């Protein structure tokens, strides 16, 4: 089992990771009757893309002797109305200053990010705008 999800009322859920016991809460978004005090489920899907991209890049970078510490991803989720769903995700990947990587290594790392498990799990109709900015 991966996790347990409990409905806490007031459009909030609590998710407990089975292996670690760590807990995350989420709310329905403000534009869908929620409080917006926590990540919404769709926020988490979009944000998982950024986390997965950096994680898989980090795994590959370690094998190449490259340190990506300090890198980040800014995520923008774009919702569609009919039916309500994530229509697109913008991911701006900022690779930290001081990373020593040649153009070939950068190409490999970007390809790894673009083929991470979360990206591969998204519906093919979802519009993805992924941009990499090295040395920011």
C-alpha atoms as a PDB file:
ATOM      1  CA  UNK A   1       0.000   0.000   0.000  1.00  0.00           C
ATOM      2  CA  UNK A   2       1.298   3.475  -0.910  1.00  0.00           C
ATOM      3  CA  UNK A   3      -0.877   5.714   1.257  1.00  0.00           C
ATOM      4  CA  UNK A   4      -4.119   6.172   3.150  1.00  0.00           C
ATOM      5  CA  UNK A   5      -6.404   9.125   2.443  1.00  0.00           C
ATOM      6  CA  UNK A   6      -8.904  10.319   5.052  1.00  0.00           C
ATOM      7  CA  UNK A   7     -11.659  12.881   4.435  1.00  0.00           C
ATOM      8  CA  UNK A   8     -11.448  15.388   7.297  1.00  0.00           C
ATOM      9  CA  UNK A   9     -14.530  17.411   6.340  1.00  0.00           C
ATOM     10  CA  UNK A  10     -14.766  20.951   4.981  1.00  0.00           C
ATOM     11  CA  UNK A  11     -13.314  19.724   1.647  1.00  0.00           C
ATOM     12  CA  UNK A  12      -9.991  18.744   3.229  1.00  0.00           C
ATOM     13  CA  UNK A  13      -8.216  15.399   3.062  1.00  0.00           C
ATOM     14  CA  UNK A  14      -5.263  14.027   4.974  1.00  0.00           C
ATOM     15  CA  UNK A  15      -2.847  11.691   3.212  1.00  0.00           C
ATOM     16  CA  UNK A  16      -0.504   9.441   5.161  1.00  0.00           C
ATOM     17  CA  UNK A  17       2.476   7.848   3.441  1.00  0.00           C
ATOM     18  CA  UNK A  18       2.525   4.202   4.491  1.00  0.00           C
ATOM     19  CA  UNK A  19       6.290   3.666   4.562  1.00  0.00           C
ATOM     20  CA  UNK A  20       7.364   6.858   6.352  1.00  0.00           C
ATOM     21  CA  UNK A  21       4.224   7.944   8.170  1.00  0.00           C
ATOM     22  CA  UNK A  22       4.583  11.484   6.838  1.00  0.00           C
ATOM     23  CA  UNK A  23       1.319  13.389   6.420  1.00  0.00           C
ATOM     24  CA  UNK A  24       0.144  15.875   3.806  1.00  0.00           C
ATOM     25  CA  UNK A  25      -3.181  17.714   3.836  1.00  0.00           C
ATOM     26  CA  UNK A  26      -4.951  19.222   0.887  1.00  0.00           C
ATOM     27  CA  UNK A  27      -7.996  21.393   0.275  1.00  0.00           C
ATOM     28  CA  UNK A  28     -10.349  21.960  -2.577  1.00  0.00           C
ATOM     29  CA  UNK A  29      -9.256  25.114  -4.420  1.00  0.00           C
ATOM     30  CA  UNK A  30     -11.022  28.429  -3.850  1.00  0.00           C
ATOM     31  CA  UNK A  31     -12.500  28.323  -7.376  1.00  0.00           C
ATOM     32  CA  UNK A  32     -14.134  24.981  -6.530  1.00  0.00           C
ATOM     33  CA  UNK A  33     -15.761  25.694  -3.140  1.00  0.00           C
ATOM     34  CA  UNK A  34     -12.614  25.154  -1.066  1.00  0.00           C
ATOM     35  CA  UNK A  35     -10.601  27.245   1.358  1.00  0.00           C
ATOM     36  CA  UNK A  36      -7.382  27.090  -0.664  1.00  0.00           C
ATOM     37  CA  UNK A  37      -5.348  26.832   2.543  1.00  0.00           C
ATOM     38  CA  UNK A  38      -3.408  23.795   1.294  1.00  0.00           C
ATOM     39  CA  UNK A  39      -2.340  22.388  -2.054  1.00  0.00           C
ATOM     40  CA  UNK A  40      -5.335  21.129  -4.010  1.00  0.00           C
ATOM     41  CA  UNK A  41      -5.231  17.631  -5.533  1.00  0.00           C
ATOM     42  CA  UNK A  42      -4.564  19.136  -8.968  1.00  0.00           C
ATOM     43  CA  UNK A  43      -1.861  21.414  -7.496  1.00  0.00           C
ATOM     44  CA  UNK A  44      -0.202  18.268  -6.202  1.00  0.00           C
ATOM     45  CA  UNK A  45      -0.298  16.594  -9.628  1.00  0.00           C
ATOM     46  CA  UNK A  46       1.285  19.626 -11.280  1.00  0.00           C
ATOM     47  CA  UNK A  47       3.821  20.050  -8.486  1.00  0.00           C
ATOM     48  CA  UNK A  48       4.687  16.347  -8.626  1.00  0.00           C
ATOM     49  CA  UNK A  49       5.893  16.940 -12.177  1.00  0.00           C
ATOM     50  CA  UNK A  50       8.460  19.478 -10.963  1.00  0.00           C
ATOM     51  CA  UNK A  51       9.563  17.260  -8.094  1.00  0.00           C
ATOM     52  CA  UNK A  52       9.912  14.245 -10.371  1.00  0.00           C
ATOM     53  CA  UNK A  53      11.866  16.221 -12.957  1.00  0.00           C
ATOM     54  CA  UNK A  54      14.405  17.457 -10.391  1.00  0.00           C
ATOM     55  CA  UNK A  55      14.645  14.047  -8.721  1.00  0.00           C
ATOM     56  CA  UNK A  56      15.333  12.152 -11.939  1.00  0.00           C
ATOM     57  CA  UNK A  57      17.771  14.838 -13.079  1.00  0.00           C
ATOM     58  CA  UNK A  58      19.502  14.547  -9.701  1.00  0.00           C
ATOM     59  CA  UNK A  59      19.810  10.771 -10.021  1.00  0.00           C
ATOM     60  CA  UNK A  60      21.364  11.071 -13.484  1.00  0.00           C
ATOM     61  CA  UNK A  61      23.522  14.046 -12.474  1.00  0.00           C
ATOM     62  CA  UNK A  62      25.043  12.048  -9.595  1.00  0.00           C
ATOM     63  CA  UNK A  63      26.158   9.349 -12.050  1.00  0.00           C
ATOM     64  CA  UNK A  64      27.780  12.108 -14.132  1.00  0.00           C
ATOM     65  CA  UNK A  65      29.541  13.749 -11.187  1.00  0.00           C
ATOM     66  CA  UNK A  66      27.328  16.855 -11.402  1.00  0.00           C
ATOM     67  CA  UNK A  67      25.753  18.530  -8.364  1.00  0.00           C
ATOM     68  CA  UNK A  68      22.320  20.118  -8.996  1.00  0.00           C
ATOM     69  CA  UNK A  69      21.862  21.392  -5.432  1.00  0.00           C
ATOM     70  CA  UNK A  70      19.997  24.688  -5.336  1.00  0.00           C
ATOM     71  CA  UNK A  71      18.137  24.094  -8.597  1.00  0.00           C
ATOM     72  CA  UNK A  72      14.392  24.730  -8.637  1.00  0.00           C
ATOM     73  CA  UNK A  73      11.237  24.477 -10.729  1.00  0.00           C
ATOM     74  CA  UNK A  74       8.426  27.036 -10.870  1.00  0.00           C
ATOM     75  CA  UNK A  75       5.126  25.350 -11.719  1.00  0.00           C
ATOM     76  CA  UNK A  76       2.033  26.995 -13.169  1.00  0.00           C
ATOM     77  CA  UNK A  77      -1.068  24.829 -13.446  1.00  0.00           C
ATOM     78  CA  UNK A  78      -3.648  25.711 -16.096  1.00  0.00           C
ATOM     79  CA  UNK A  79      -7.154  24.393 -15.498  1.00  0.00           C
ATOM     80  CA  UNK A  80      -9.779  23.628 -18.166  1.00  0.00           C
ATOM     81  CA  UNK A  81     -13.490  23.969 -17.466  1.00  0.00           C
ATOM     82  CA  UNK A  82     -15.357  21.307 -19.468  1.00  0.00           C
ATOM     83  CA  UNK A  83     -14.657  18.802 -18.159  1.00  0.00           C
ATOM     84  CA  UNK A  84     -12.810  20.268 -15.179  1.00  0.00           C
ATOM     85  CA  UNK A  85      -9.233  19.038 -15.423  1.00  0.00           C
ATOM     86  CA  UNK A  86      -5.615  20.132 -15.694  1.00  0.00           C
ATOM     87  CA  UNK A  87      -5.274  21.352 -19.257  1.00  0.00           C
ATOM     88  CA  UNK A  88      -1.638  22.339 -19.080  1.00  0.00           C
ATOM     89  CA  UNK A  89       1.411  22.762 -16.917  1.00  0.00           C
ATOM     90  CA  UNK A  90       4.194  25.294 -17.313  1.00  0.00           C
ATOM     91  CA  UNK A  91       7.447  24.196 -15.725  1.00  0.00           C
ATOM     92  CA  UNK A  92      10.364  26.608 -15.658  1.00  0.00           C
ATOM     93  CA  UNK A  93      13.433  24.728 -14.476  1.00  0.00           C
ATOM     94  CA  UNK A  94      16.169  26.924 -13.017  1.00  0.00           C
ATOM     95  CA  UNK A  95      19.502  25.137 -12.756  1.00  0.00           C
ATOM     96  CA  UNK A  96      21.663  26.669 -10.034  1.00  0.00           C
ATOM     97  CA  UNK A  97      24.640  28.906 -10.762  1.00  0.00           C
ATOM     98  CA  UNK A  98      27.947  27.136 -10.636  1.00  0.00           C
ATOM     99  CA  UNK A  99      26.806  23.840 -12.146  1.00  0.00           C
ATOM    100  CA  UNK A 100      29.621  22.516 -14.277  1.00  0.00           C
ATOM    101  CA  UNK A 101      28.098  20.716 -17.273  1.00  0.00           C
ATOM    102  CA  UNK A 102      28.860  20.805 -20.972  1.00  0.00           C
ATOM    103  CA  UNK A 103      26.176  21.089 -23.667  1.00  0.00           C
ATOM    104  CA  UNK A 104      25.960  17.301 -24.125  1.00  0.00           C
ATOM    105  CA  UNK A 105      25.501  16.729 -20.383  1.00  0.00           C
ATOM    106  CA  UNK A 106      22.848  19.453 -20.239  1.00  0.00           C
ATOM    107  CA  UNK A 107      21.005  17.806 -23.142  1.00  0.00           C
ATOM    108  CA  UNK A 108      21.057  14.444 -21.335  1.00  0.00           C
ATOM    109  CA  UNK A 109      19.761  15.976 -18.098  1.00  0.00           C
ATOM    110  CA  UNK A 110      16.978  17.847 -19.886  1.00  0.00           C
ATOM    111  CA  UNK A 111      15.919  14.666 -21.708  1.00  0.00           C
ATOM    112  CA  UNK A 112      15.843  12.775 -18.393  1.00  0.00           C
ATOM    113  CA  UNK A 113      13.574  15.466 -16.928  1.00  0.00           C
ATOM    114  CA  UNK A 114      11.243  15.425 -19.938  1.00  0.00           C
ATOM    115  CA  UNK A 115      10.819  11.667 -19.613  1.00  0.00           C
ATOM    116  CA  UNK A 116      10.411  11.370 -15.847  1.00  0.00           C
ATOM    117  CA  UNK A 117       7.746   8.933 -14.580  1.00  0.00           C
ATOM    118  CA  UNK A 118       5.230  11.670 -13.717  1.00  0.00           C
ATOM    119  CA  UNK A 119       5.573  13.283 -17.157  1.00  0.00           C
ATOM    120  CA  UNK A 120       5.053   9.857 -18.751  1.00  0.00           C
ATOM    121  CA  UNK A 121       1.931   9.344 -16.604  1.00  0.00           C
ATOM    122  CA  UNK A 122       0.172  12.549 -17.694  1.00  0.00           C
ATOM    123  CA  UNK A 123      -2.534  12.425 -20.357  1.00  0.00           C
ATOM    124  CA  UNK A 124      -1.062  13.044 -23.824  1.00  0.00           C
ATOM    125  CA  UNK A 125      -3.601  15.835 -24.439  1.00  0.00           C
ATOM    126  CA  UNK A 126      -2.168  17.843 -21.550  1.00  0.00           C
ATOM    127  CA  UNK A 127      -0.162  20.793 -22.828  1.00  0.00           C
ATOM    128  CA  UNK A 128       3.306  20.926 -21.287  1.00  0.00           C
ATOM    129  CA  UNK A 129       5.530  23.985 -21.540  1.00  0.00           C
ATOM    130  CA  UNK A 130       8.884  22.950 -20.078  1.00  0.00           C
ATOM    131  CA  UNK A 131      11.771  25.412 -20.190  1.00  0.00           C
ATOM    132  CA  UNK A 132      15.274  25.043 -18.818  1.00  0.00           C
ATOM    133  CA  UNK A 133      17.367  27.986 -17.659  1.00  0.00           C
ATOM    134  CA  UNK A 134      20.966  27.155 -16.807  1.00  0.00           C
ATOM    135  CA  UNK A 135      22.970  29.265 -14.370  1.00  0.00           C
ATOM    136  CA  UNK A 136      20.111  31.089 -12.674  1.00  0.00           C
END
